[in-house]
Amino acid sequence: MARLGADQRPDYEELGVIEGYDKWASTYDRDPNPLIAVEERVTLDVIGHVRGQRVLDLGCGTGRYCVLLARRGAELVGVDPSEEMLERARRKITAAYPFELQQGTADKVGCPGGTFDLIVSALTLGHLPELGPALGEAARLLTEGGRLVISDIHPYWPVSGHDYTEFFDEEGREYRVPSYTHLFEEYWRLCTELGLCFEDVREPRIDIRLIASFPSLKEYEGIPLAIVLRLRKG
């Protein structure tokens, strides 16, 4: 198995999560990202039918899933703590595919309990040192029988030393924001305590198709890059 640990590039700057995503916002949508390339196709398959459903995009960033699921006929609310990411998301609202946006954190969403049929949290929970508050808020917000779909970088990466998400500004300077290790056992324990039942688990690997677009990943072929979970309340 290829070595996974931290990249040894010098001269990067460490930022907090909100500060980092504020800075990343201007280039986030145009920078090719292998994690998104793997995660999105699997997550959309796991989500499935959403037409007519009330959906929360928890950690919506620039509105990627708000747009994708609005096009599938869902009624969307996106929540994110980064004002700069939300500003990019606002630019994607159209008359044909509208959605609501609000600033907030994963553990404190300003909506009544039982509001949403589906909550999607994509590439977000790995930036939280503790999962419990966010998962508890998701359980509170879901209707009985509602679904929770979570995606994130696979825990292989942070547990091996790649415990950050990196991005580059327009001048090529590297920035890193922290990622935290959350093993499947932790998700299982916390979700079970909250009455959230697992329905599906996917671990998409780095394959030939991804390597064709991102040749630098060749040495990691066969290693899981993302994890995608689907749960149901009740």
C-alpha atoms as a PDB file:
ATOM      1  CA  MET A   1       0.000   0.000   0.000  1.00  0.00           C
ATOM      2  CA  ALA A   2       1.264   3.459  -0.866  1.00  0.00           C
ATOM      3  CA  ARG A   3       2.303   5.787   1.919  1.00  0.00           C
ATOM      4  CA  LEU A   4      -0.479   8.249   2.718  1.00  0.00           C
ATOM      5  CA  GLY A   5       0.984  10.731   5.201  1.00  0.00           C
ATOM      6  CA  ALA A   6       1.253  14.497   5.035  1.00  0.00           C
ATOM      7  CA  ASP A   7       2.748  16.152   1.961  1.00  0.00           C
ATOM      8  CA  GLN A   8       6.214  17.520   2.633  1.00  0.00           C
ATOM      9  CA  ARG A   9       5.820  20.785   0.735  1.00  0.00           C
ATOM     10  CA  PRO A  10       7.268  23.748   2.700  1.00  0.00           C
ATOM     11  CA  ASP A  11       5.910  27.254   3.131  1.00  0.00           C
ATOM     12  CA  TYR A  12       2.210  26.545   3.598  1.00  0.00           C
ATOM     13  CA  GLU A  13      -0.021  28.530   5.946  1.00  0.00           C
ATOM     14  CA  GLU A  14      -2.409  26.927   8.425  1.00  0.00           C
ATOM     15  CA  LEU A  15      -5.838  28.531   8.770  1.00  0.00           C
ATOM     16  CA  GLY A  16      -8.922  27.867  10.862  1.00  0.00           C
ATOM     17  CA  VAL A  17     -11.803  26.196   9.059  1.00  0.00           C
ATOM     18  CA  ILE A  18     -14.032  29.263   8.580  1.00  0.00           C
ATOM     19  CA  GLU A  19     -11.104  31.551   7.807  1.00  0.00           C
ATOM     20  CA  GLY A  20      -9.776  29.004   5.344  1.00  0.00           C
ATOM     21  CA  TYR A  21     -13.039  28.529   3.492  1.00  0.00           C
ATOM     22  CA  ASP A  22     -13.557  32.289   3.368  1.00  0.00           C
ATOM     23  CA  LYS A  23     -10.212  32.536   1.599  1.00  0.00           C
ATOM     24  CA  TRP A  24     -10.835  29.495  -0.618  1.00  0.00           C
ATOM     25  CA  ALA A  25     -14.246  30.687  -1.792  1.00  0.00           C
ATOM     26  CA  SER A  26     -13.024  32.722  -4.768  1.00  0.00           C
ATOM     27  CA  THR A  27     -11.352  29.703  -6.417  1.00  0.00           C
ATOM     28  CA  TYR A  28     -13.290  26.792  -4.899  1.00  0.00           C
ATOM     29  CA  ASP A  29     -15.596  26.107  -7.836  1.00  0.00           C
ATOM     30  CA  ARG A  30     -12.962  26.327 -10.545  1.00  0.00           C
ATOM     31  CA  ASP A  31     -10.140  24.294  -8.977  1.00  0.00           C
ATOM     32  CA  PRO A  32     -10.209  20.619 -10.085  1.00  0.00           C
ATOM     33  CA  ASN A  33     -10.754  18.490  -6.977  1.00  0.00           C
ATOM     34  CA  PRO A  34     -10.381  14.684  -7.039  1.00  0.00           C
ATOM     35  CA  LEU A  35     -12.279  14.258  -3.765  1.00  0.00           C
ATOM     36  CA  ILE A  36     -15.327  16.040  -5.180  1.00  0.00           C
ATOM     37  CA  ALA A  37     -15.016  14.057  -8.415  1.00  0.00           C
ATOM     38  CA  VAL A  38     -15.252  10.773  -6.482  1.00  0.00           C
ATOM     39  CA  GLU A  39     -17.654  11.893  -3.774  1.00  0.00           C
ATOM     40  CA  GLU A  40     -20.288  13.597  -5.890  1.00  0.00           C
ATOM     41  CA  ARG A  41     -21.183  10.733  -8.200  1.00  0.00           C
ATOM     42  CA  VAL A  42     -21.486   8.286  -5.302  1.00  0.00           C
ATOM     43  CA  THR A  43     -23.362  10.688  -3.017  1.00  0.00           C
ATOM     44  CA  LEU A  44     -25.928  11.537  -5.687  1.00  0.00           C
ATOM     45  CA  ASP A  45     -26.535   7.828  -6.249  1.00  0.00           C
ATOM     46  CA  VAL A  46     -26.970   7.242  -2.499  1.00  0.00           C
ATOM     47  CA  ILE A  47     -29.352  10.218  -2.198  1.00  0.00           C
ATOM     48  CA  GLY A  48     -31.637   9.011  -4.980  1.00  0.00           C
ATOM     49  CA  HIS A  49     -35.152  10.447  -5.305  1.00  0.00           C
ATOM     50  CA  VAL A  50     -35.752  13.917  -3.813  1.00  0.00           C
ATOM     51  CA  ARG A  51     -38.590  15.465  -5.830  1.00  0.00           C
ATOM     52  CA  GLY A  52     -40.990  17.307  -3.552  1.00  0.00           C
ATOM     53  CA  GLN A  53     -38.845  16.753  -0.470  1.00  0.00           C
ATOM     54  CA  ARG A  54     -37.682  19.409   1.984  1.00  0.00           C
ATOM     55  CA  VAL A  55     -33.864  19.153   2.038  1.00  0.00           C
ATOM     56  CA  LEU A  56     -31.183  20.728   4.219  1.00  0.00           C
ATOM     57  CA  ASP A  57     -27.671  21.076   2.799  1.00  0.00           C
ATOM     58  CA  LEU A  58     -25.645  21.223   6.008  1.00  0.00           C
ATOM     59  CA  GLY A  59     -22.332  22.879   5.210  1.00  0.00           C
ATOM     60  CA  CYS A  60     -23.496  23.955   1.771  1.00  0.00           C
ATOM     61  CA  GLY A  61     -20.394  25.930   0.821  1.00  0.00           C
ATOM     62  CA  THR A  62     -20.809  27.477  -2.619  1.00  0.00           C
ATOM     63  CA  GLY A  63     -24.155  25.718  -3.106  1.00  0.00           C
ATOM     64  CA  ARG A  64     -23.020  22.646  -5.031  1.00  0.00           C
ATOM     65  CA  TYR A  65     -25.714  20.309  -3.693  1.00  0.00           C
ATOM     66  CA  CYS A  66     -28.293  23.095  -3.430  1.00  0.00           C
ATOM     67  CA  VAL A  67     -28.116  23.410  -7.218  1.00  0.00           C
ATOM     68  CA  LEU A  68     -27.873  19.690  -7.947  1.00  0.00           C
ATOM     69  CA  LEU A  69     -30.856  18.766  -5.781  1.00  0.00           C
ATOM     70  CA  ALA A  70     -32.971  21.776  -6.747  1.00  0.00           C
ATOM     71  CA  ARG A  71     -32.633  20.530 -10.324  1.00  0.00           C
ATOM     72  CA  ARG A  72     -34.006  17.194  -9.130  1.00  0.00           C
ATOM     73  CA  GLY A  73     -37.097  18.898  -7.723  1.00  0.00           C
ATOM     74  CA  ALA A  74     -36.214  19.295  -4.039  1.00  0.00           C
ATOM     75  CA  GLU A  75     -36.989  22.300  -1.855  1.00  0.00           C
ATOM     76  CA  LEU A  76     -33.601  23.377  -0.483  1.00  0.00           C
ATOM     77  CA  VAL A  77     -32.204  25.243   2.493  1.00  0.00           C
ATOM     78  CA  GLY A  78     -28.419  25.642   2.633  1.00  0.00           C
ATOM     79  CA  VAL A  79     -26.530  26.460   5.847  1.00  0.00           C
ATOM     80  CA  ASP A  80     -22.836  27.337   6.133  1.00  0.00           C
ATOM     81  CA  PRO A  81     -20.675  29.327   8.588  1.00  0.00           C
ATOM     82  CA  SER A  82     -18.560  30.949   5.843  1.00  0.00           C
ATOM     83  CA  GLU A  83     -20.035  34.188   4.554  1.00  0.00           C
ATOM     84  CA  GLU A  84     -17.717  34.167   1.540  1.00  0.00           C
ATOM     85  CA  MET A  85     -18.859  30.685   0.508  1.00  0.00           C
ATOM     86  CA  LEU A  86     -22.491  31.736   0.955  1.00  0.00           C
ATOM     87  CA  GLU A  87     -21.916  34.779  -1.256  1.00  0.00           C
ATOM     88  CA  ARG A  88     -20.832  32.445  -4.083  1.00  0.00           C
ATOM     89  CA  ALA A  89     -23.856  30.243  -3.430  1.00  0.00           C
ATOM     90  CA  ARG A  90     -26.227  33.211  -3.688  1.00  0.00           C
ATOM     91  CA  ARG A  91     -25.037  33.820  -7.240  1.00  0.00           C
ATOM     92  CA  LYS A  92     -26.350  30.369  -8.228  1.00  0.00           C
ATOM     93  CA  ILE A  93     -29.961  30.998  -7.161  1.00  0.00           C
ATOM     94  CA  THR A  94     -32.251  31.212 -10.192  1.00  0.00           C
ATOM     95  CA  ALA A  95     -35.986  31.472 -10.789  1.00  0.00           C
ATOM     96  CA  ALA A  96     -35.961  27.962 -12.226  1.00  0.00           C
ATOM     97  CA  TYR A  97     -33.969  26.419  -9.362  1.00  0.00           C
ATOM     98  CA  PRO A  98     -34.432  28.534  -6.217  1.00  0.00           C
ATOM     99  CA  PHE A  99     -33.126  27.724  -2.750  1.00  0.00           C
ATOM    100  CA  GLU A 100     -32.753  29.445   0.622  1.00  0.00           C
ATOM    101  CA  LEU A 101     -29.457  30.205   2.339  1.00  0.00           C
ATOM    102  CA  GLN A 102     -28.579  31.078   5.913  1.00  0.00           C
ATOM    103  CA  GLN A 103     -25.400  31.480   7.889  1.00  0.00           C
ATOM    104  CA  GLY A 104     -25.010  29.012  10.730  1.00  0.00           C
ATOM    105  CA  THR A 105     -23.075  26.072  12.096  1.00  0.00           C
ATOM    106  CA  ALA A 106     -23.770  22.354  11.894  1.00  0.00           C
ATOM    107  CA  ASP A 107     -24.764  22.155  15.555  1.00  0.00           C
ATOM    108  CA  LYS A 108     -27.094  25.184  15.565  1.00  0.00           C
ATOM    109  CA  VAL A 109     -29.492  25.477  12.633  1.00  0.00           C
ATOM    110  CA  GLY A 110     -32.268  28.001  13.078  1.00  0.00           C
ATOM    111  CA  CYS A 111     -35.158  25.734  12.052  1.00  0.00           C
ATOM    112  CA  PRO A 112     -37.810  23.873  14.073  1.00  0.00           C
ATOM    113  CA  GLY A 113     -37.401  20.184  14.789  1.00  0.00           C
ATOM    114  CA  GLY A 114     -38.789  17.741  12.256  1.00  0.00           C
ATOM    115  CA  THR A 115     -38.461  20.198   9.370  1.00  0.00           C
ATOM    116  CA  PHE A 116     -36.538  18.158   6.780  1.00  0.00           C
ATOM    117  CA  ASP A 117     -37.133  14.920   4.884  1.00  0.00           C
ATOM    118  CA  LEU A 118     -33.458  14.727   3.921  1.00  0.00           C
ATOM    119  CA  ILE A 119     -30.261  16.251   5.268  1.00  0.00           C
ATOM    120  CA  VAL A 120     -27.118  16.171   3.142  1.00  0.00           C
ATOM    121  CA  SER A 121     -23.770  16.993   4.727  1.00  0.00           C
ATOM    122  CA  ALA A 122     -21.047  16.763   2.096  1.00  0.00           C
ATOM    123  CA  LEU A 123     -17.343  17.096   2.971  1.00  0.00           C
ATOM    124  CA  THR A 124     -18.205  18.989   6.150  1.00  0.00           C
ATOM    125  CA  LEU A 125     -18.236  16.847   9.298  1.00  0.00           C
ATOM    126  CA  GLY A 126     -14.565  15.919   8.947  1.00  0.00           C
ATOM    127  CA  HIS A 127     -13.720  19.518   9.835  1.00  0.00           C
ATOM    128  CA  LEU A 128     -15.407  19.159  13.239  1.00  0.00           C
ATOM    129  CA  PRO A 129     -13.358  17.851  16.177  1.00  0.00           C
ATOM    130  CA  GLU A 130     -16.539  16.402  17.742  1.00  0.00           C
ATOM    131  CA  LEU A 131     -19.355  14.745  15.761  1.00  0.00           C
ATOM    132  CA  GLY A 132     -21.949  14.509  18.533  1.00  0.00           C
ATOM    133  CA  PRO A 133     -23.415  18.045  18.453  1.00  0.00           C
ATOM    134  CA  ALA A 134     -23.830  18.094  14.656  1.00  0.00           C
ATOM    135  CA  LEU A 135     -25.334  14.607  14.494  1.00  0.00           C
ATOM    136  CA  GLY A 136     -27.680  15.469  17.355  1.00  0.00           C
ATOM    137  CA  GLU A 137     -28.847  18.566  15.490  1.00  0.00           C
ATOM    138  CA  ALA A 138     -29.399  16.535  12.325  1.00  0.00           C
ATOM    139  CA  ALA A 139     -31.493  14.000  14.237  1.00  0.00           C
ATOM    140  CA  ARG A 140     -33.560  16.833  15.729  1.00  0.00           C
ATOM    141  CA  LEU A 141     -34.199  18.434  12.344  1.00  0.00           C
ATOM    142  CA  LEU A 142     -35.238  15.255  10.516  1.00  0.00           C
ATOM    143  CA  THR A 143     -38.808  14.105  10.156  1.00  0.00           C
ATOM    144  CA  GLU A 144     -39.611  10.608  11.415  1.00  0.00           C
ATOM    145  CA  GLY A 145     -38.397   8.345   8.630  1.00  0.00           C
ATOM    146  CA  GLY A 146     -36.231  11.148   7.200  1.00  0.00           C
ATOM    147  CA  ARG A 147     -32.821  10.418   5.751  1.00  0.00           C
ATOM    148  CA  LEU A 148     -29.317  11.699   6.513  1.00  0.00           C
ATOM    149  CA  VAL A 149     -26.588  11.383   3.862  1.00  0.00           C
ATOM    150  CA  ILE A 150     -23.016  12.165   4.918  1.00  0.00           C
ATOM    151  CA  SER A 151     -19.914  12.220   2.747  1.00  0.00           C
ATOM    152  CA  ASP A 152     -16.333  12.997   3.652  1.00  0.00           C
ATOM    153  CA  ILE A 153     -12.724  12.200   2.993  1.00  0.00           C
ATOM    154  CA  HIS A 154     -12.035   8.611   4.039  1.00  0.00           C
ATOM    155  CA  PRO A 155     -10.582   8.326   7.578  1.00  0.00           C
ATOM    156  CA  TYR A 156      -7.554   6.508   6.137  1.00  0.00           C
ATOM    157  CA  TRP A 157      -6.177   9.925   5.199  1.00  0.00           C
ATOM    158  CA  PRO A 158      -6.293  11.894   8.458  1.00  0.00           C
ATOM    159  CA  VAL A 159      -5.385   8.845  10.535  1.00  0.00           C
ATOM    160  CA  SER A 160      -2.211   8.424   8.455  1.00  0.00           C
ATOM    161  CA  GLY A 161      -1.089  12.030   8.892  1.00  0.00           C
ATOM    162  CA  HIS A 162      -2.866  13.814   6.044  1.00  0.00           C
ATOM    163  CA  ASP A 163      -5.018  15.547   8.647  1.00  0.00           C
ATOM    164  CA  TYR A 164      -5.820  18.676   6.664  1.00  0.00           C
ATOM    165  CA  THR A 165      -7.480  19.909   3.494  1.00  0.00           C
ATOM    166  CA  GLU A 166      -5.179  21.911   1.259  1.00  0.00           C
ATOM    167  CA  PHE A 167      -5.937  24.560  -1.332  1.00  0.00           C
ATOM    168  CA  PHE A 168      -3.959  27.124  -3.312  1.00  0.00           C
ATOM    169  CA  ASP A 169      -4.598  30.782  -4.011  1.00  0.00           C
ATOM    170  CA  GLU A 170      -4.225  32.419  -7.407  1.00  0.00           C
ATOM    171  CA  GLU A 171      -0.502  32.994  -6.775  1.00  0.00           C
ATOM    172  CA  GLY A 172       0.032  29.317  -5.969  1.00  0.00           C
ATOM    173  CA  ARG A 173       0.494  29.720  -2.212  1.00  0.00           C
ATOM    174  CA  GLU A 174      -0.706  26.710  -0.246  1.00  0.00           C
ATOM    175  CA  TYR A 175      -3.116  26.887   2.685  1.00  0.00           C
ATOM    176  CA  ARG A 176      -4.275  24.061   4.958  1.00  0.00           C
ATOM    177  CA  VAL A 177      -7.361  23.765   7.157  1.00  0.00           C
ATOM    178  CA  PRO A 178      -7.664  20.974   9.756  1.00  0.00           C
ATOM    179  CA  SER A 179      -9.445  17.678   9.228  1.00  0.00           C
ATOM    180  CA  TYR A 180     -10.212  15.245  12.042  1.00  0.00           C
ATOM    181  CA  THR A 181     -10.295  11.477  12.159  1.00  0.00           C
ATOM    182  CA  HIS A 182     -13.803  10.040  12.605  1.00  0.00           C
ATOM    183  CA  LEU A 183     -13.807   6.264  12.244  1.00  0.00           C
ATOM    184  CA  PHE A 184     -16.904   4.348  11.245  1.00  0.00           C
ATOM    185  CA  GLU A 185     -17.156   2.990  14.786  1.00  0.00           C
ATOM    186  CA  GLU A 186     -17.673   6.554  16.086  1.00  0.00           C
ATOM    187  CA  TYR A 187     -20.425   7.222  13.555  1.00  0.00           C
ATOM    188  CA  TRP A 188     -22.065   3.894  14.389  1.00  0.00           C
ATOM    189  CA  ARG A 189     -22.097   4.520  18.136  1.00  0.00           C
ATOM    190  CA  LEU A 190     -23.306   8.111  18.010  1.00  0.00           C
ATOM    191  CA  CYS A 191     -25.930   7.548  15.334  1.00  0.00           C
ATOM    192  CA  THR A 192     -27.315   4.469  17.072  1.00  0.00           C
ATOM    193  CA  GLU A 193     -27.698   6.460  20.291  1.00  0.00           C
ATOM    194  CA  LEU A 194     -29.627   9.114  18.347  1.00  0.00           C
ATOM    195  CA  GLY A 195     -32.019   6.658  16.701  1.00  0.00           C
ATOM    196  CA  LEU A 196     -30.401   6.946  13.258  1.00  0.00           C
ATOM    197  CA  CYS A 197     -30.227   3.598  11.469  1.00  0.00           C
ATOM    198  CA  PHE A 198     -27.629   2.814   8.796  1.00  0.00           C
ATOM    199  CA  GLU A 199     -28.979   1.942   5.345  1.00  0.00           C
ATOM    200  CA  ASP A 200     -25.891   2.186   3.138  1.00  0.00           C
ATOM    201  CA  VAL A 201     -22.125   2.630   3.376  1.00  0.00           C
ATOM    202  CA  ARG A 202     -19.868   3.295   0.369  1.00  0.00           C
ATOM    203  CA  GLU A 203     -16.081   3.663   0.241  1.00  0.00           C
ATOM    204  CA  PRO A 204     -15.208   4.775  -3.311  1.00  0.00           C
ATOM    205  CA  ARG A 205     -11.600   4.050  -4.205  1.00  0.00           C
ATOM    206  CA  ILE A 206      -9.068   5.787  -6.381  1.00  0.00           C
ATOM    207  CA  ASP A 207      -9.477   4.024  -9.714  1.00  0.00           C
ATOM    208  CA  ILE A 208      -8.306   4.241 -13.305  1.00  0.00           C
ATOM    209  CA  ARG A 209     -11.062   6.670 -14.223  1.00  0.00           C
ATOM    210  CA  LEU A 210     -10.016   9.131 -11.504  1.00  0.00           C
ATOM    211  CA  ILE A 211      -6.307   8.674 -12.265  1.00  0.00           C
ATOM    212  CA  ALA A 212      -6.966   9.603 -15.901  1.00  0.00           C
ATOM    213  CA  SER A 213      -8.054  13.054 -14.699  1.00  0.00           C
ATOM    214  CA  PHE A 214      -5.587  13.281 -11.790  1.00  0.00           C
ATOM    215  CA  PRO A 215      -2.393  11.384 -12.762  1.00  0.00           C
ATOM    216  CA  SER A 216      -0.627  12.279  -9.501  1.00  0.00           C
ATOM    217  CA  LEU A 217      -2.939   9.808  -7.731  1.00  0.00           C
ATOM    218  CA  LYS A 218      -1.490   6.801  -9.578  1.00  0.00           C
ATOM    219  CA  GLU A 219       0.539   5.644  -6.576  1.00  0.00           C
ATOM    220  CA  TYR A 220      -2.660   5.582  -4.477  1.00  0.00           C
ATOM    221  CA  GLU A 221      -4.699   3.389  -6.823  1.00  0.00           C
ATOM    222  CA  GLY A 222      -7.069   1.137  -4.881  1.00  0.00           C
ATOM    223  CA  ILE A 223      -7.064   3.246  -1.709  1.00  0.00           C
ATOM    224  CA  PRO A 224     -10.480   4.612  -0.624  1.00  0.00           C
ATOM    225  CA  LEU A 225     -10.652   8.368  -1.019  1.00  0.00           C
ATOM    226  CA  ALA A 226     -14.134   9.063   0.343  1.00  0.00           C
ATOM    227  CA  ILE A 227     -16.762   7.549   2.610  1.00  0.00           C
ATOM    228  CA  VAL A 228     -20.496   8.019   2.040  1.00  0.00           C
ATOM    229  CA  LEU A 229     -23.133   7.051   4.638  1.00  0.00           C
ATOM    230  CA  ARG A 230     -26.927   6.947   4.442  1.00  0.00           C
ATOM    231  CA  LEU A 231     -29.046   6.757   7.590  1.00  0.00           C
ATOM    232  CA  ARG A 232     -32.726   6.916   8.422  1.00  0.00           C
ATOM    233  CA  LYS A 233     -34.399   8.288  11.529  1.00  0.00           C
ATOM    234  CA  GLY A 234     -36.603   5.816  13.335  1.00  0.00           C
END
